[in-house]
Amino acid sequence: MVDVNPVKLNYTNANDIMKFVRELRIKGLAQGIDFDFRLDTFSNTITFYFKEEMYATFYRIKFTDYH
């Protein structure tokens, strides 16, 4: 299990989560090796963990809300 380089996101439904997981797999990342995630239904957040810091940085920037 990967548990470093966390990226915490809010989510609205499981479809959003699976869309993101599919995107990671299309990029060639393997769940459990290159990334993993934990769902917190109480706070409606999901935390993705990436083995490589560059992916964590990329997705933090991609999903940061600058409003």
N, C-alpha and C. Protein backbone atom coordinates (compact mmCIF):
# COMPACT_ATOMS: atom_id res chain seq x y z
N MET A 1 0.83 -1.19 0.00
CA MET A 1 0.00 0.00 0.00
C MET A 1 0.88 1.24 0.00
N VAL A 2 0.50 2.19 -0.82
CA VAL A 2 1.21 3.46 -0.90
C VAL A 2 0.60 4.40 0.12
N ASP A 3 1.44 5.03 0.96
CA ASP A 3 0.90 5.94 1.98
C ASP A 3 1.75 7.19 2.14
N VAL A 4 2.36 7.64 1.05
CA VAL A 4 3.16 8.86 1.05
C VAL A 4 2.61 9.82 -0.01
N ASN A 5 3.01 11.06 0.05
CA ASN A 5 2.62 12.09 -0.92
C ASN A 5 1.10 12.18 -1.09
N PRO A 6 0.40 12.58 -0.02
CA PRO A 6 -1.06 12.63 -0.07
C PRO A 6 -1.60 13.83 -0.84
N VAL A 7 -2.75 13.60 -1.47
CA VAL A 7 -3.52 14.65 -2.13
C VAL A 7 -4.96 14.47 -1.67
N LYS A 8 -5.47 15.41 -0.88
CA LYS A 8 -6.81 15.31 -0.32
C LYS A 8 -7.79 16.11 -1.16
N LEU A 9 -8.89 15.46 -1.55
CA LEU A 9 -9.89 16.08 -2.41
C LEU A 9 -11.28 15.93 -1.81
N ASN A 10 -12.14 16.89 -2.06
CA ASN A 10 -13.56 16.74 -1.74
C ASN A 10 -14.20 15.98 -2.89
N TYR A 11 -15.25 15.23 -2.60
CA TYR A 11 -15.93 14.52 -3.67
C TYR A 11 -17.43 14.62 -3.47
N THR A 12 -18.16 14.44 -4.56
CA THR A 12 -19.61 14.49 -4.49
C THR A 12 -20.24 13.13 -4.73
N ASN A 13 -19.58 12.29 -5.53
CA ASN A 13 -20.14 10.96 -5.77
C ASN A 13 -19.06 9.98 -6.22
N ALA A 14 -19.40 8.72 -6.21
CA ALA A 14 -18.44 7.68 -6.56
C ALA A 14 -18.02 7.75 -8.02
N ASN A 15 -18.86 8.26 -8.89
CA ASN A 15 -18.49 8.38 -10.31
C ASN A 15 -17.29 9.29 -10.49
N ASP A 16 -17.25 10.39 -9.72
CA ASP A 16 -16.09 11.29 -9.80
C ASP A 16 -14.81 10.59 -9.39
N ILE A 17 -14.91 9.80 -8.34
CA ILE A 17 -13.74 9.07 -7.85
C ILE A 17 -13.25 8.09 -8.90
N MET A 18 -14.18 7.31 -9.45
CA MET A 18 -13.79 6.29 -10.43
C MET A 18 -13.25 6.92 -11.71
N LYS A 19 -13.77 8.06 -12.09
CA LYS A 19 -13.24 8.76 -13.27
C LYS A 19 -11.77 9.11 -13.05
N PHE A 20 -11.45 9.59 -11.86
CA PHE A 20 -10.08 9.94 -11.54
C PHE A 20 -9.19 8.71 -11.49
N VAL A 21 -9.68 7.62 -10.90
CA VAL A 21 -8.91 6.37 -10.85
C VAL A 21 -8.65 5.86 -12.26
N ARG A 22 -9.65 5.92 -13.13
CA ARG A 22 -9.45 5.49 -14.53
C ARG A 22 -8.40 6.35 -15.22
N GLU A 23 -8.43 7.66 -14.96
CA GLU A 23 -7.43 8.56 -15.54
C GLU A 23 -6.02 8.15 -15.11
N LEU A 24 -5.86 7.82 -13.85
CA LEU A 24 -4.54 7.39 -13.36
C LEU A 24 -4.11 6.09 -14.04
N ARG A 25 -5.02 5.16 -14.17
CA ARG A 25 -4.69 3.87 -14.81
C ARG A 25 -4.34 4.06 -16.28
N ILE A 26 -5.04 4.96 -16.97
CA ILE A 26 -4.74 5.23 -18.38
C ILE A 26 -3.33 5.79 -18.51
N LYS A 27 -2.90 6.58 -17.51
CA LYS A 27 -1.55 7.12 -17.52
C LYS A 27 -0.49 6.07 -17.20
N GLY A 28 -0.93 4.83 -16.92
CA GLY A 28 -0.01 3.74 -16.67
C GLY A 28 0.30 3.50 -15.21
N LEU A 29 -0.40 4.18 -14.31
CA LEU A 29 -0.18 3.98 -12.88
C LEU A 29 -0.96 2.78 -12.39
N ALA A 30 -0.36 2.00 -11.51
CA ALA A 30 -1.00 0.80 -10.97
C ALA A 30 -1.42 1.05 -9.53
N GLN A 31 -2.69 0.76 -9.26
CA GLN A 31 -3.19 0.94 -7.89
C GLN A 31 -2.50 -0.05 -6.97
N GLY A 32 -2.08 0.43 -5.80
CA GLY A 32 -1.38 -0.41 -4.85
C GLY A 32 0.13 -0.39 -5.03
N ILE A 33 0.58 0.07 -6.19
CA ILE A 33 2.01 0.16 -6.46
C ILE A 33 2.40 1.62 -6.64
N ASP A 34 1.74 2.32 -7.55
CA ASP A 34 2.05 3.72 -7.83
C ASP A 34 1.14 4.69 -7.08
N PHE A 35 -0.07 4.26 -6.77
CA PHE A 35 -1.01 5.11 -6.05
C PHE A 35 -1.99 4.25 -5.27
N ASP A 36 -2.63 4.87 -4.33
CA ASP A 36 -3.71 4.25 -3.58
C ASP A 36 -4.61 5.36 -3.09
N PHE A 37 -5.74 5.02 -2.51
CA PHE A 37 -6.62 6.05 -1.98
C PHE A 37 -7.41 5.54 -0.80
N ARG A 38 -7.83 6.49 0.02
CA ARG A 38 -8.68 6.20 1.18
C ARG A 38 -9.87 7.16 1.14
N LEU A 39 -11.03 6.61 1.36
CA LEU A 39 -12.27 7.37 1.35
C LEU A 39 -12.70 7.65 2.78
N ASP A 40 -13.05 8.90 3.06
CA ASP A 40 -13.58 9.28 4.36
C ASP A 40 -15.01 9.78 4.13
N THR A 41 -15.98 8.90 4.34
CA THR A 41 -17.37 9.25 4.07
C THR A 41 -17.91 10.26 5.07
N PHE A 42 -17.33 10.32 6.25
CA PHE A 42 -17.79 11.28 7.26
C PHE A 42 -17.55 12.72 6.81
N SER A 43 -16.37 12.97 6.24
CA SER A 43 -16.03 14.34 5.82
C SER A 43 -16.16 14.55 4.30
N ASN A 44 -16.64 13.52 3.59
CA ASN A 44 -16.78 13.58 2.13
C ASN A 44 -15.47 13.98 1.45
N THR A 45 -14.39 13.36 1.89
CA THR A 45 -13.10 13.59 1.26
C THR A 45 -12.49 12.25 0.86
N ILE A 46 -11.63 12.34 -0.10
CA ILE A 46 -10.85 11.18 -0.51
C ILE A 46 -9.40 11.63 -0.57
N THR A 47 -8.53 10.80 -0.05
CA THR A 47 -7.11 11.12 -0.07
C THR A 47 -6.41 10.12 -0.97
N PHE A 48 -5.77 10.64 -2.00
CA PHE A 48 -4.95 9.82 -2.88
C PHE A 48 -3.51 9.90 -2.40
N TYR A 49 -2.82 8.79 -2.47
CA TYR A 49 -1.41 8.71 -2.09
C TYR A 49 -0.62 8.26 -3.31
N PHE A 50 0.47 8.95 -3.59
CA PHE A 50 1.27 8.65 -4.76
C PHE A 50 2.70 8.28 -4.35
N LYS A 51 3.22 7.25 -4.97
CA LYS A 51 4.60 6.84 -4.72
C LYS A 51 5.56 7.93 -5.16
N GLU A 52 5.30 8.51 -6.33
CA GLU A 52 6.15 9.56 -6.88
C GLU A 52 5.60 10.94 -6.53
N GLU A 53 6.43 11.77 -5.95
CA GLU A 53 6.01 13.10 -5.54
C GLU A 53 5.53 13.96 -6.71
N MET A 54 6.09 13.71 -7.90
CA MET A 54 5.71 14.54 -9.05
C MET A 54 4.22 14.38 -9.38
N TYR A 55 3.65 13.18 -9.21
CA TYR A 55 2.22 13.00 -9.47
C TYR A 55 1.39 13.72 -8.41
N ALA A 56 1.81 13.64 -7.16
CA ALA A 56 1.10 14.35 -6.09
C ALA A 56 1.11 15.84 -6.35
N THR A 57 2.24 16.38 -6.73
CA THR A 57 2.34 17.81 -7.01
C THR A 57 1.45 18.20 -8.18
N PHE A 58 1.49 17.41 -9.25
CA PHE A 58 0.67 17.69 -10.42
C PHE A 58 -0.82 17.73 -10.06
N TYR A 59 -1.30 16.73 -9.33
CA TYR A 59 -2.73 16.67 -9.01
C TYR A 59 -3.12 17.68 -7.95
N ARG A 60 -2.23 18.05 -7.07
CA ARG A 60 -2.54 19.15 -6.14
C ARG A 60 -2.79 20.43 -6.91
N ILE A 61 -1.92 20.70 -7.88
CA ILE A 61 -2.08 21.90 -8.70
C ILE A 61 -3.35 21.81 -9.55
N LYS A 62 -3.58 20.67 -10.16
CA LYS A 62 -4.75 20.49 -11.03
C LYS A 62 -6.06 20.69 -10.28
N PHE A 63 -6.15 20.23 -9.04
CA PHE A 63 -7.41 20.26 -8.32
C PHE A 63 -7.50 21.36 -7.28
N THR A 64 -6.51 22.25 -7.21
CA THR A 64 -6.57 23.36 -6.27
C THR A 64 -7.57 24.38 -6.77
N ASP A 65 -8.41 24.83 -5.88
CA ASP A 65 -9.41 25.84 -6.20
C ASP A 65 -8.83 27.21 -5.86
N TYR A 66 -8.59 28.02 -6.86
CA TYR A 66 -7.97 29.33 -6.66
C TYR A 66 -8.98 30.46 -6.51
N HIS A 67 -10.24 30.16 -6.29
CA HIS A 67 -11.27 31.22 -6.18
C HIS A 67 -11.16 31.94 -4.87
